[in-house]
Amino acid sequence: MNFHQLQYALAIARHGLSVTNAAAALGTSQPAISRALKELEKELGFDLFVREGRSFARVTSEGQRVLEYASRALAEIDSLKSVVADLNQDARGTLSIATTHTQARYVLPPVIQAFRRRYPEVDLHLHQGTSEQISEMVAADRVQLAIATGSEALFPELVLLPVYRWHRQVIVPRHHPLARAGAPKLTLAILEKYPLVTYVFSFSGPSSLETLFAREGLKPRVALTARDSDVIKTYVRLGMGVGIVASVAFEPDVDTDLVMVDASHLFPIHTTWIGFRRGTLLRNFAYDFMQLFGSHLNRRLIDRAVEARDGESKAQLFSKIQLPIR
């Protein structure tokens, strides 16, 4: 049985058992309705209507039950059509994003500003958290998109799309010895001499700060760890130690009392990604948000990443794309 067969049978019942009236209401022909009804009854194995000559006298008991189910099914289909029509309204909807403080504070503002100009009627919800908290939000279906750095093992169910790369950098007050002109190139041995204010180690990826120092037989002195770049900068300003933050978290025009000392040669480079659950219905505005965040993420590339079922296939998609370093 199919949609049209059920629709035609219901139309007959709702229009005085008249095939003529049903055909007029549906904008089709009487032979088409009669043929569809005959095929439906043959498949069911019983009649839906009691016939008197070429007319219908009443609905059979079996037909009554079938038409009740058909009515509910077609109502659900109508509701589904309404939902799909709403989902296809590019200018309206809801987009929920989970990300870290660093992304929300330092990277996403111009992206969100551009998105709001393009989609003023889309409700945008930004949820901040650690990688572990973002993973929990994804698992609970609270968000459609997730943005984080590293921690890929926490998101096995997501399609992860690399967006940009960044280093950790050292920040100090302007009067600090490391900020002086002519200071030697930064090394881990030099950093070992100072207390450090940095991210909690789980944020920093698979190679923690302690492991990096240990490789050279050194041990860092950690004065404070935090997940918030602004918190780290606050305590650096208070003189608690040398700060280690994401490069994107240093704003020269704002952080005028601090100096960034190049440490890109000391720490591994990190990749920030945006991801979504495989099978998610992506609205057009979700595709646009991803491309605003990473200009290389066009719809074709995103769809091909969804189709890639293993890491090697996905890696090949991005092998010729040079991600920006921020």
C-alpha atoms as a PDB file:
ATOM      1  CA  MET A   1       0.000   0.000   0.000  1.00  0.00           C
ATOM      2  CA  ASN A   2       1.079   3.559  -0.513  1.00  0.00           C
ATOM      3  CA  PHE A   3       0.228   7.094   0.530  1.00  0.00           C
ATOM      4  CA  HIS A   4      -2.081   7.814  -2.409  1.00  0.00           C
ATOM      5  CA  GLN A   5      -4.109   4.629  -1.963  1.00  0.00           C
ATOM      6  CA  LEU A   6      -4.840   5.493   1.676  1.00  0.00           C
ATOM      7  CA  GLN A   7      -5.537   9.106   0.777  1.00  0.00           C
ATOM      8  CA  TYR A   8      -8.059   8.091  -1.897  1.00  0.00           C
ATOM      9  CA  ALA A   9      -9.854   5.622   0.414  1.00  0.00           C
ATOM     10  CA  LEU A  10     -10.177   8.276   3.128  1.00  0.00           C
ATOM     11  CA  ALA A  11     -11.424  10.811   0.609  1.00  0.00           C
ATOM     12  CA  ILE A  12     -14.229   8.464  -0.454  1.00  0.00           C
ATOM     13  CA  ALA A  13     -15.300   7.942   3.161  1.00  0.00           C
ATOM     14  CA  ARG A  14     -15.157  11.673   3.904  1.00  0.00           C
ATOM     15  CA  HIS A  15     -17.112  12.744   0.800  1.00  0.00           C
ATOM     16  CA  GLY A  16     -20.323  10.780   1.182  1.00  0.00           C
ATOM     17  CA  LEU A  17     -18.922   7.524  -0.240  1.00  0.00           C
ATOM     18  CA  SER A  18     -18.803   9.280  -3.619  1.00  0.00           C
ATOM     19  CA  VAL A  19     -15.847   8.592  -5.903  1.00  0.00           C
ATOM     20  CA  THR A  20     -16.910  11.601  -7.991  1.00  0.00           C
ATOM     21  CA  ASN A  21     -16.766  13.967  -5.025  1.00  0.00           C
ATOM     22  CA  ALA A  22     -13.485  12.453  -3.793  1.00  0.00           C
ATOM     23  CA  ALA A  23     -11.886  12.912  -7.210  1.00  0.00           C
ATOM     24  CA  ALA A  24     -13.044  16.539  -7.364  1.00  0.00           C
ATOM     25  CA  ALA A  25     -11.680  17.243  -3.866  1.00  0.00           C
ATOM     26  CA  LEU A  26      -8.286  15.746  -4.673  1.00  0.00           C
ATOM     27  CA  GLY A  27      -8.044  17.121  -8.185  1.00  0.00           C
ATOM     28  CA  THR A  28      -7.660  13.713  -9.792  1.00  0.00           C
ATOM     29  CA  SER A  29      -9.793  11.429 -11.972  1.00  0.00           C
ATOM     30  CA  GLN A  30     -12.441   8.912 -10.933  1.00  0.00           C
ATOM     31  CA  PRO A  31     -10.693   6.030 -12.762  1.00  0.00           C
ATOM     32  CA  ALA A  32      -7.463   6.791 -10.876  1.00  0.00           C
ATOM     33  CA  ILE A  33      -9.243   6.577  -7.525  1.00  0.00           C
ATOM     34  CA  SER A  34     -11.171   3.437  -8.466  1.00  0.00           C
ATOM     35  CA  ARG A  35      -7.985   1.743  -9.693  1.00  0.00           C
ATOM     36  CA  ALA A  36      -6.026   2.676  -6.560  1.00  0.00           C
ATOM     37  CA  LEU A  37      -8.827   1.446  -4.276  1.00  0.00           C
ATOM     38  CA  LYS A  38      -9.042  -1.863  -6.142  1.00  0.00           C
ATOM     39  CA  GLU A  39      -5.272  -2.380  -5.782  1.00  0.00           C
ATOM     40  CA  LEU A  40      -5.407  -1.518  -2.080  1.00  0.00           C
ATOM     41  CA  GLU A  41      -8.286  -3.937  -1.359  1.00  0.00           C
ATOM     42  CA  LYS A  42      -6.503  -6.673  -3.294  1.00  0.00           C
ATOM     43  CA  GLU A  43      -3.375  -6.176  -1.182  1.00  0.00           C
ATOM     44  CA  LEU A  44      -5.379  -6.103   2.060  1.00  0.00           C
ATOM     45  CA  GLY A  45      -7.407  -9.169   1.174  1.00  0.00           C
ATOM     46  CA  PHE A  46     -10.798  -7.641   2.030  1.00  0.00           C
ATOM     47  CA  ASP A  47     -13.140  -4.843   0.917  1.00  0.00           C
ATOM     48  CA  LEU A  48     -13.156  -1.438   2.567  1.00  0.00           C
ATOM     49  CA  PHE A  49     -16.636  -0.546   1.316  1.00  0.00           C
ATOM     50  CA  VAL A  50     -19.908  -2.433   0.797  1.00  0.00           C
ATOM     51  CA  ARG A  51     -20.883  -2.096  -2.863  1.00  0.00           C
ATOM     52  CA  GLU A  52     -24.400  -1.791  -4.229  1.00  0.00           C
ATOM     53  CA  GLY A  53     -24.095  -1.861  -7.976  1.00  0.00           C
ATOM     54  CA  ARG A  54     -21.555   0.783  -8.985  1.00  0.00           C
ATOM     55  CA  SER A  55     -21.987   2.751  -5.765  1.00  0.00           C
ATOM     56  CA  PHE A  56     -20.775   2.360  -2.186  1.00  0.00           C
ATOM     57  CA  ALA A  57     -23.383   1.831   0.513  1.00  0.00           C
ATOM     58  CA  ARG A  58     -21.251   1.907   3.658  1.00  0.00           C
ATOM     59  CA  VAL A  59     -17.801   1.233   5.103  1.00  0.00           C
ATOM     60  CA  THR A  60     -17.141  -2.369   6.136  1.00  0.00           C
ATOM     61  CA  SER A  61     -16.095  -3.135   9.731  1.00  0.00           C
ATOM     62  CA  GLU A  62     -12.652  -4.083   8.495  1.00  0.00           C
ATOM     63  CA  GLY A  63     -12.542  -0.924   6.401  1.00  0.00           C
ATOM     64  CA  GLN A  64     -13.444   1.189   9.425  1.00  0.00           C
ATOM     65  CA  ARG A  65     -10.389  -0.026  11.322  1.00  0.00           C
ATOM     66  CA  VAL A  66      -8.087   0.469   8.347  1.00  0.00           C
ATOM     67  CA  LEU A  67      -9.390   3.986   7.743  1.00  0.00           C
ATOM     68  CA  GLU A  68      -8.871   4.901  11.412  1.00  0.00           C
ATOM     69  CA  TYR A  69      -5.220   3.897  11.193  1.00  0.00           C
ATOM     70  CA  ALA A  70      -4.883   5.562   7.788  1.00  0.00           C
ATOM     71  CA  SER A  71      -6.313   8.800   9.155  1.00  0.00           C
ATOM     72  CA  ARG A  72      -3.754   8.881  11.966  1.00  0.00           C
ATOM     73  CA  ALA A  73      -0.908   7.958   9.628  1.00  0.00           C
ATOM     74  CA  LEU A  74      -1.786  10.651   7.100  1.00  0.00           C
ATOM     75  CA  ALA A  75      -2.134  13.203   9.907  1.00  0.00           C
ATOM     76  CA  GLU A  76       1.395  12.323  11.028  1.00  0.00           C
ATOM     77  CA  ILE A  77       2.630  12.700   7.459  1.00  0.00           C
ATOM     78  CA  ASP A  78       0.995  16.124   7.244  1.00  0.00           C
ATOM     79  CA  SER A  79       2.727  17.079  10.498  1.00  0.00           C
ATOM     80  CA  LEU A  80       6.021  15.825   9.116  1.00  0.00           C
ATOM     81  CA  LYS A  81       5.536  17.911   5.985  1.00  0.00           C
ATOM     82  CA  SER A  82       4.950  20.929   8.181  1.00  0.00           C
ATOM     83  CA  VAL A  83       8.121  20.235  10.158  1.00  0.00           C
ATOM     84  CA  VAL A  84      10.163  19.758   6.985  1.00  0.00           C
ATOM     85  CA  ALA A  85       8.765  22.977   5.541  1.00  0.00           C
ATOM     86  CA  ASP A  86       9.781  24.775   8.732  1.00  0.00           C
ATOM     87  CA  LEU A  87      13.247  23.207   8.656  1.00  0.00           C
ATOM     88  CA  ASN A  88      13.704  24.396   5.113  1.00  0.00           C
ATOM     89  CA  GLN A  89      13.043  27.992   6.133  1.00  0.00           C
ATOM     90  CA  ASP A  90      16.660  29.105   6.065  1.00  0.00           C
ATOM     91  CA  ALA A  91      15.950  32.373   7.836  1.00  0.00           C
ATOM     92  CA  ARG A  92      14.470  30.805  10.974  1.00  0.00           C
ATOM     93  CA  GLY A  93      15.377  28.104  13.444  1.00  0.00           C
ATOM     94  CA  THR A  94      17.693  27.354  16.339  1.00  0.00           C
ATOM     95  CA  LEU A  95      21.416  26.680  16.384  1.00  0.00           C
ATOM     96  CA  SER A  96      23.021  25.464  19.624  1.00  0.00           C
ATOM     97  CA  ILE A  97      26.804  25.374  19.889  1.00  0.00           C
ATOM     98  CA  ALA A  98      29.039  24.032  22.657  1.00  0.00           C
ATOM     99  CA  THR A  99      32.579  25.365  22.898  1.00  0.00           C
ATOM    100  CA  THR A 100      35.370  26.360  25.240  1.00  0.00           C
ATOM    101  CA  HIS A 101      35.877  29.741  26.855  1.00  0.00           C
ATOM    102  CA  THR A 102      38.871  30.511  24.629  1.00  0.00           C
ATOM    103  CA  GLN A 103      36.864  29.973  21.444  1.00  0.00           C
ATOM    104  CA  ALA A 104      33.801  31.834  22.729  1.00  0.00           C
ATOM    105  CA  ARG A 105      35.817  34.777  24.039  1.00  0.00           C
ATOM    106  CA  TYR A 106      38.558  35.250  21.446  1.00  0.00           C
ATOM    107  CA  VAL A 107      37.677  33.517  18.166  1.00  0.00           C
ATOM    108  CA  LEU A 108      33.919  33.328  17.710  1.00  0.00           C
ATOM    109  CA  PRO A 109      32.779  36.966  18.232  1.00  0.00           C
ATOM    110  CA  PRO A 110      33.339  38.080  14.598  1.00  0.00           C
ATOM    111  CA  VAL A 111      31.921  34.778  13.337  1.00  0.00           C
ATOM    112  CA  ILE A 112      28.770  35.151  15.406  1.00  0.00           C
ATOM    113  CA  GLN A 113      28.453  38.809  14.475  1.00  0.00           C
ATOM    114  CA  ALA A 114      28.554  37.938  10.770  1.00  0.00           C
ATOM    115  CA  PHE A 115      26.127  35.060  11.309  1.00  0.00           C
ATOM    116  CA  ARG A 116      23.636  37.298  13.148  1.00  0.00           C
ATOM    117  CA  ARG A 117      23.716  39.822  10.311  1.00  0.00           C
ATOM    118  CA  ARG A 118      22.949  37.051   7.840  1.00  0.00           C
ATOM    119  CA  TYR A 119      20.365  35.223   9.986  1.00  0.00           C
ATOM    120  CA  PRO A 120      18.759  37.699  12.399  1.00  0.00           C
ATOM    121  CA  GLU A 121      15.799  35.385  13.095  1.00  0.00           C
ATOM    122  CA  VAL A 122      17.829  32.298  13.982  1.00  0.00           C
ATOM    123  CA  ASP A 123      18.015  31.708  17.735  1.00  0.00           C
ATOM    124  CA  LEU A 124      21.681  31.151  18.563  1.00  0.00           C
ATOM    125  CA  HIS A 125      22.641  29.456  21.837  1.00  0.00           C
ATOM    126  CA  LEU A 126      26.299  29.353  22.919  1.00  0.00           C
ATOM    127  CA  HIS A 127      27.183  26.897  25.687  1.00  0.00           C
ATOM    128  CA  GLN A 128      30.641  27.056  27.268  1.00  0.00           C
ATOM    129  CA  GLY A 129      32.466  24.238  28.993  1.00  0.00           C
ATOM    130  CA  THR A 130      35.499  22.033  29.173  1.00  0.00           C
ATOM    131  CA  SER A 131      36.096  19.354  26.572  1.00  0.00           C
ATOM    132  CA  GLU A 132      34.579  16.834  28.955  1.00  0.00           C
ATOM    133  CA  GLN A 133      31.507  19.015  29.496  1.00  0.00           C
ATOM    134  CA  ILE A 134      31.134  19.587  25.767  1.00  0.00           C
ATOM    135  CA  SER A 135      31.248  15.822  25.274  1.00  0.00           C
ATOM    136  CA  GLU A 136      28.430  15.438  27.799  1.00  0.00           C
ATOM    137  CA  MET A 137      26.323  18.078  26.017  1.00  0.00           C
ATOM    138  CA  VAL A 138      26.837  16.267  22.724  1.00  0.00           C
ATOM    139  CA  ALA A 139      25.899  12.923  24.264  1.00  0.00           C
ATOM    140  CA  ALA A 140      22.704  14.465  25.674  1.00  0.00           C
ATOM    141  CA  ASP A 141      21.778  15.975  22.274  1.00  0.00           C
ATOM    142  CA  ARG A 142      21.740  19.461  23.795  1.00  0.00           C
ATOM    143  CA  VAL A 143      23.761  20.974  20.939  1.00  0.00           C
ATOM    144  CA  GLN A 144      24.024  20.634  17.185  1.00  0.00           C
ATOM    145  CA  LEU A 145      27.617  21.811  16.783  1.00  0.00           C
ATOM    146  CA  ALA A 146      30.660  21.387  19.009  1.00  0.00           C
ATOM    147  CA  ILE A 147      33.919  23.353  18.839  1.00  0.00           C
ATOM    148  CA  ALA A 148      37.025  22.305  20.741  1.00  0.00           C
ATOM    149  CA  THR A 149      40.737  21.645  20.463  1.00  0.00           C
ATOM    150  CA  GLY A 150      42.166  18.144  20.519  1.00  0.00           C
ATOM    151  CA  SER A 151      40.387  15.637  22.805  1.00  0.00           C
ATOM    152  CA  GLU A 152      39.188  13.733  19.731  1.00  0.00           C
ATOM    153  CA  ALA A 153      38.860  10.540  21.775  1.00  0.00           C
ATOM    154  CA  LEU A 154      35.987  12.149  23.694  1.00  0.00           C
ATOM    155  CA  PHE A 155      33.950  12.558  20.497  1.00  0.00           C
ATOM    156  CA  PRO A 156      33.994   9.239  18.586  1.00  0.00           C
ATOM    157  CA  GLU A 157      30.415   9.765  17.359  1.00  0.00           C
ATOM    158  CA  LEU A 158      31.103  13.157  15.769  1.00  0.00           C
ATOM    159  CA  VAL A 159      32.269  14.174  12.314  1.00  0.00           C
ATOM    160  CA  LEU A 160      35.229  16.423  13.204  1.00  0.00           C
ATOM    161  CA  LEU A 161      36.326  19.099  10.722  1.00  0.00           C
ATOM    162  CA  PRO A 162      39.678  20.841  11.300  1.00  0.00           C
ATOM    163  CA  VAL A 163      39.407  24.643  11.227  1.00  0.00           C
ATOM    164  CA  TYR A 164      42.687  26.273  12.269  1.00  0.00           C
ATOM    165  CA  ARG A 165      45.913  25.648  14.193  1.00  0.00           C
ATOM    166  CA  TRP A 166      47.546  27.480  17.065  1.00  0.00           C
ATOM    167  CA  HIS A 167      50.447  27.384  19.508  1.00  0.00           C
ATOM    168  CA  ARG A 168      50.718  28.026  23.201  1.00  0.00           C
ATOM    169  CA  GLN A 169      52.664  31.193  23.923  1.00  0.00           C
ATOM    170  CA  VAL A 170      54.275  32.702  26.993  1.00  0.00           C
ATOM    171  CA  ILE A 171      52.988  35.965  28.443  1.00  0.00           C
ATOM    172  CA  VAL A 172      54.632  38.118  31.115  1.00  0.00           C
ATOM    173  CA  PRO A 173      54.250  41.643  32.516  1.00  0.00           C
ATOM    174  CA  ARG A 174      56.198  44.305  30.654  1.00  0.00           C
ATOM    175  CA  HIS A 175      58.742  44.669  33.461  1.00  0.00           C
ATOM    176  CA  HIS A 176      59.522  40.938  33.555  1.00  0.00           C
ATOM    177  CA  PRO A 177      63.077  39.769  32.709  1.00  0.00           C
ATOM    178  CA  LEU A 178      61.759  37.621  29.836  1.00  0.00           C
ATOM    179  CA  ALA A 179      60.265  40.739  28.239  1.00  0.00           C
ATOM    180  CA  ARG A 180      63.548  42.651  28.112  1.00  0.00           C
ATOM    181  CA  ALA A 181      65.131  43.469  24.769  1.00  0.00           C
ATOM    182  CA  GLY A 182      67.992  41.138  24.006  1.00  0.00           C
ATOM    183  CA  ALA A 183      66.661  38.360  26.226  1.00  0.00           C
ATOM    184  CA  PRO A 184      67.877  34.931  25.048  1.00  0.00           C
ATOM    185  CA  LYS A 185      65.591  32.718  22.993  1.00  0.00           C
ATOM    186  CA  LEU A 186      63.139  30.998  25.278  1.00  0.00           C
ATOM    187  CA  THR A 187      63.903  27.436  26.341  1.00  0.00           C
ATOM    188  CA  LEU A 188      62.298  25.008  28.757  1.00  0.00           C
ATOM    189  CA  ALA A 189      65.378  25.334  30.972  1.00  0.00           C
ATOM    190  CA  ILE A 190      64.716  29.074  31.229  1.00  0.00           C
ATOM    191  CA  LEU A 191      61.018  28.526  31.964  1.00  0.00           C
ATOM    192  CA  GLU A 192      61.938  26.068  34.716  1.00  0.00           C
ATOM    193  CA  LYS A 193      63.335  28.996  36.705  1.00  0.00           C
ATOM    194  CA  TYR A 194      59.919  30.679  37.005  1.00  0.00           C
ATOM    195  CA  PRO A 195      56.594  29.676  38.534  1.00  0.00           C
ATOM    196  CA  LEU A 196      54.049  28.976  35.788  1.00  0.00           C
ATOM    197  CA  VAL A 197      50.393  29.916  35.406  1.00  0.00           C
ATOM    198  CA  THR A 198      48.837  27.754  32.754  1.00  0.00           C
ATOM    199  CA  TYR A 199      45.905  25.651  31.579  1.00  0.00           C
ATOM    200  CA  VAL A 200      45.060  22.486  33.449  1.00  0.00           C
ATOM    201  CA  PHE A 201      47.018  19.734  31.786  1.00  0.00           C
ATOM    202  CA  SER A 202      44.057  17.888  30.258  1.00  0.00           C
ATOM    203  CA  PHE A 203      43.360  20.976  28.097  1.00  0.00           C
ATOM    204  CA  SER A 204      46.787  20.878  26.545  1.00  0.00           C
ATOM    205  CA  GLY A 205      46.381  17.757  24.474  1.00  0.00           C
ATOM    206  CA  PRO A 206      48.097  14.377  24.560  1.00  0.00           C
ATOM    207  CA  SER A 207      51.535  15.802  25.535  1.00  0.00           C
ATOM    208  CA  SER A 208      51.219  17.528  28.905  1.00  0.00           C
ATOM    209  CA  LEU A 209      53.457  20.301  30.173  1.00  0.00           C
ATOM    210  CA  GLU A 210      55.112  17.995  32.681  1.00  0.00           C
ATOM    211  CA  THR A 211      55.921  15.450  29.963  1.00  0.00           C
ATOM    212  CA  LEU A 212      57.565  18.112  27.789  1.00  0.00           C
ATOM    213  CA  PHE A 213      59.795  19.224  30.644  1.00  0.00           C
ATOM    214  CA  ALA A 214      60.545  15.653  31.710  1.00  0.00           C
ATOM    215  CA  ARG A 215      61.938  14.834  28.263  1.00  0.00           C
ATOM    216  CA  GLU A 216      64.737  17.290  28.999  1.00  0.00           C
ATOM    217  CA  GLY A 217      65.167  16.158  32.571  1.00  0.00           C
ATOM    218  CA  LEU A 218      63.363  19.221  33.916  1.00  0.00           C
ATOM    219  CA  LYS A 219      60.424  19.759  36.251  1.00  0.00           C
ATOM    220  CA  PRO A 220      58.140  22.810  35.936  1.00  0.00           C
ATOM    221  CA  ARG A 221      57.001  24.805  38.946  1.00  0.00           C
ATOM    222  CA  VAL A 222      53.271  25.276  38.471  1.00  0.00           C
ATOM    223  CA  ALA A 223      51.872  28.088  40.625  1.00  0.00           C
ATOM    224  CA  LEU A 224      48.289  27.917  39.292  1.00  0.00           C
ATOM    225  CA  THR A 225      46.247  26.108  36.653  1.00  0.00           C
ATOM    226  CA  ALA A 226      42.964  27.293  35.160  1.00  0.00           C
ATOM    227  CA  ARG A 227      40.788  26.605  32.113  1.00  0.00           C
ATOM    228  CA  ASP A 228      40.045  30.260  31.463  1.00  0.00           C
ATOM    229  CA  SER A 229      42.612  32.354  29.561  1.00  0.00           C
ATOM    230  CA  ASP A 230      41.375  35.540  31.227  1.00  0.00           C
ATOM    231  CA  VAL A 231      41.959  33.992  34.657  1.00  0.00           C
ATOM    232  CA  ILE A 232      45.519  33.086  33.679  1.00  0.00           C
ATOM    233  CA  LYS A 233      46.180  36.634  32.473  1.00  0.00           C
ATOM    234  CA  THR A 234      44.732  38.064  35.680  1.00  0.00           C
ATOM    235  CA  TYR A 235      47.179  36.129  37.858  1.00  0.00           C
ATOM    236  CA  VAL A 236      50.098  36.891  35.562  1.00  0.00           C
ATOM    237  CA  ARG A 237      49.286  40.577  36.099  1.00  0.00           C
ATOM    238  CA  LEU A 238      49.345  39.941  39.846  1.00  0.00           C
ATOM    239  CA  GLY A 239      52.885  38.620  39.518  1.00  0.00           C
ATOM    240  CA  MET A 240      52.098  35.010  40.414  1.00  0.00           C
ATOM    241  CA  GLY A 241      54.149  33.642  37.545  1.00  0.00           C
ATOM    242  CA  VAL A 242      54.815  33.313  33.839  1.00  0.00           C
ATOM    243  CA  GLY A 243      51.665  32.621  31.849  1.00  0.00           C
ATOM    244  CA  ILE A 244      51.200  30.005  29.139  1.00  0.00           C
ATOM    245  CA  VAL A 245      48.099  30.614  27.017  1.00  0.00           C
ATOM    246  CA  ALA A 246      46.710  29.913  23.568  1.00  0.00           C
ATOM    247  CA  SER A 247      48.069  32.312  20.979  1.00  0.00           C
ATOM    248  CA  VAL A 248      44.521  33.433  20.120  1.00  0.00           C
ATOM    249  CA  ALA A 249      43.991  34.554  23.723  1.00  0.00           C
ATOM    250  CA  PHE A 250      46.563  37.351  23.544  1.00  0.00           C
ATOM    251  CA  GLU A 251      45.189  40.668  22.266  1.00  0.00           C
ATOM    252  CA  PRO A 252      47.992  43.237  21.760  1.00  0.00           C
ATOM    253  CA  ASP A 253      45.559  46.159  21.601  1.00  0.00           C
ATOM    254  CA  VAL A 254      43.913  45.117  24.875  1.00  0.00           C
ATOM    255  CA  ASP A 255      46.689  43.389  26.799  1.00  0.00           C
ATOM    256  CA  THR A 256      48.986  46.411  26.596  1.00  0.00           C
ATOM    257  CA  ASP A 257      50.480  45.699  30.044  1.00  0.00           C
ATOM    258  CA  LEU A 258      51.593  42.233  28.953  1.00  0.00           C
ATOM    259  CA  VAL A 259      54.187  40.979  26.507  1.00  0.00           C
ATOM    260  CA  MET A 260      53.935  37.782  24.503  1.00  0.00           C
ATOM    261  CA  VAL A 261      57.195  35.850  24.254  1.00  0.00           C
ATOM    262  CA  ASP A 262      57.439  33.437  21.337  1.00  0.00           C
ATOM    263  CA  ALA A 263      57.246  29.847  22.559  1.00  0.00           C
ATOM    264  CA  SER A 264      55.903  28.212  19.409  1.00  0.00           C
ATOM    265  CA  HIS A 265      59.150  26.223  19.100  1.00  0.00           C
ATOM    266  CA  LEU A 266      58.683  24.740  22.576  1.00  0.00           C
ATOM    267  CA  PHE A 267      55.149  23.393  22.474  1.00  0.00           C
ATOM    268  CA  PRO A 268      53.274  21.152  20.008  1.00  0.00           C
ATOM    269  CA  ILE A 269      50.865  22.820  17.631  1.00  0.00           C
ATOM    270  CA  HIS A 270      47.149  22.315  18.286  1.00  0.00           C
ATOM    271  CA  THR A 271      44.199  21.992  15.912  1.00  0.00           C
ATOM    272  CA  THR A 272      40.777  23.439  16.659  1.00  0.00           C
ATOM    273  CA  TRP A 273      37.860  21.611  15.066  1.00  0.00           C
ATOM    274  CA  ILE A 274      34.124  21.947  14.657  1.00  0.00           C
ATOM    275  CA  GLY A 275      31.981  18.835  14.720  1.00  0.00           C
ATOM    276  CA  PHE A 276      28.471  17.425  14.634  1.00  0.00           C
ATOM    277  CA  ARG A 277      26.864  14.062  15.183  1.00  0.00           C
ATOM    278  CA  ARG A 278      26.765  11.843  12.097  1.00  0.00           C
ATOM    279  CA  GLY A 279      23.175  11.714  10.845  1.00  0.00           C
ATOM    280  CA  THR A 280      22.330  15.200  12.084  1.00  0.00           C
ATOM    281  CA  LEU A 281      20.003  17.154   9.811  1.00  0.00           C
ATOM    282  CA  LEU A 282      22.148  20.178   9.008  1.00  0.00           C
ATOM    283  CA  ARG A 283      20.177  23.282   8.127  1.00  0.00           C
ATOM    284  CA  ASN A 284      21.597  25.619   5.511  1.00  0.00           C
ATOM    285  CA  PHE A 285      22.417  28.144   8.200  1.00  0.00           C
ATOM    286  CA  ALA A 286      24.461  25.475  10.053  1.00  0.00           C
ATOM    287  CA  TYR A 287      26.516  24.921   6.901  1.00  0.00           C
ATOM    288  CA  ASP A 288      26.974  28.692   6.627  1.00  0.00           C
ATOM    289  CA  PHE A 289      28.079  28.989  10.252  1.00  0.00           C
ATOM    290  CA  MET A 290      30.763  26.363   9.697  1.00  0.00           C
ATOM    291  CA  GLN A 291      32.056  28.168   6.625  1.00  0.00           C
ATOM    292  CA  LEU A 292      32.081  31.483   8.462  1.00  0.00           C
ATOM    293  CA  PHE A 293      34.202  29.788  11.111  1.00  0.00           C
ATOM    294  CA  GLY A 294      36.482  28.077   8.577  1.00  0.00           C
ATOM    295  CA  SER A 295      36.387  29.458   5.046  1.00  0.00           C
ATOM    296  CA  HIS A 296      37.545  26.125   3.559  1.00  0.00           C
ATOM    297  CA  LEU A 297      34.504  24.310   4.983  1.00  0.00           C
ATOM    298  CA  ASN A 298      32.194  24.518   2.007  1.00  0.00           C
ATOM    299  CA  ARG A 299      29.097  22.344   1.810  1.00  0.00           C
ATOM    300  CA  ARG A 300      30.641  19.857  -0.599  1.00  0.00           C
ATOM    301  CA  LEU A 301      33.636  19.256   1.672  1.00  0.00           C
ATOM    302  CA  ILE A 302      31.422  18.866   4.738  1.00  0.00           C
ATOM    303  CA  ASP A 303      29.159  16.352   2.995  1.00  0.00           C
ATOM    304  CA  ARG A 304      32.175  14.388   1.765  1.00  0.00           C
ATOM    305  CA  ALA A 305      33.539  14.292   5.320  1.00  0.00           C
ATOM    306  CA  VAL A 306      30.223  12.826   6.470  1.00  0.00           C
ATOM    307  CA  GLU A 307      30.495  10.123   3.819  1.00  0.00           C
ATOM    308  CA  ALA A 308      34.069   9.247   4.856  1.00  0.00           C
ATOM    309  CA  ARG A 309      33.722   6.266   7.167  1.00  0.00           C
ATOM    310  CA  ASP A 310      37.311   6.039   8.405  1.00  0.00           C
ATOM    311  CA  GLY A 311      40.013   8.420   9.569  1.00  0.00           C
ATOM    312  CA  GLU A 312      42.246   7.813   6.560  1.00  0.00           C
ATOM    313  CA  SER A 313      39.526   8.752   4.074  1.00  0.00           C
ATOM    314  CA  LYS A 314      38.742  11.938   5.982  1.00  0.00           C
ATOM    315  CA  ALA A 315      42.426  12.818   6.314  1.00  0.00           C
ATOM    316  CA  GLN A 316      42.779  12.615   2.543  1.00  0.00           C
ATOM    317  CA  LEU A 317      39.982  15.168   2.137  1.00  0.00           C
ATOM    318  CA  PHE A 318      41.965  17.702   4.147  1.00  0.00           C
ATOM    319  CA  SER A 319      45.467  16.689   3.048  1.00  0.00           C
ATOM    320  CA  LYS A 320      45.731  19.474   0.461  1.00  0.00           C
ATOM    321  CA  ILE A 321      44.098  22.144   2.624  1.00  0.00           C
ATOM    322  CA  GLN A 322      46.527  24.418   4.446  1.00  0.00           C
ATOM    323  CA  LEU A 323      44.854  25.332   7.698  1.00  0.00           C
ATOM    324  CA  PRO A 324      45.460  28.880   8.922  1.00  0.00           C
ATOM    325  CA  ILE A 325      47.690  29.353  11.963  1.00  0.00           C
ATOM    326  CA  ARG A 326      46.374  31.890  14.447  1.00  0.00           C
END
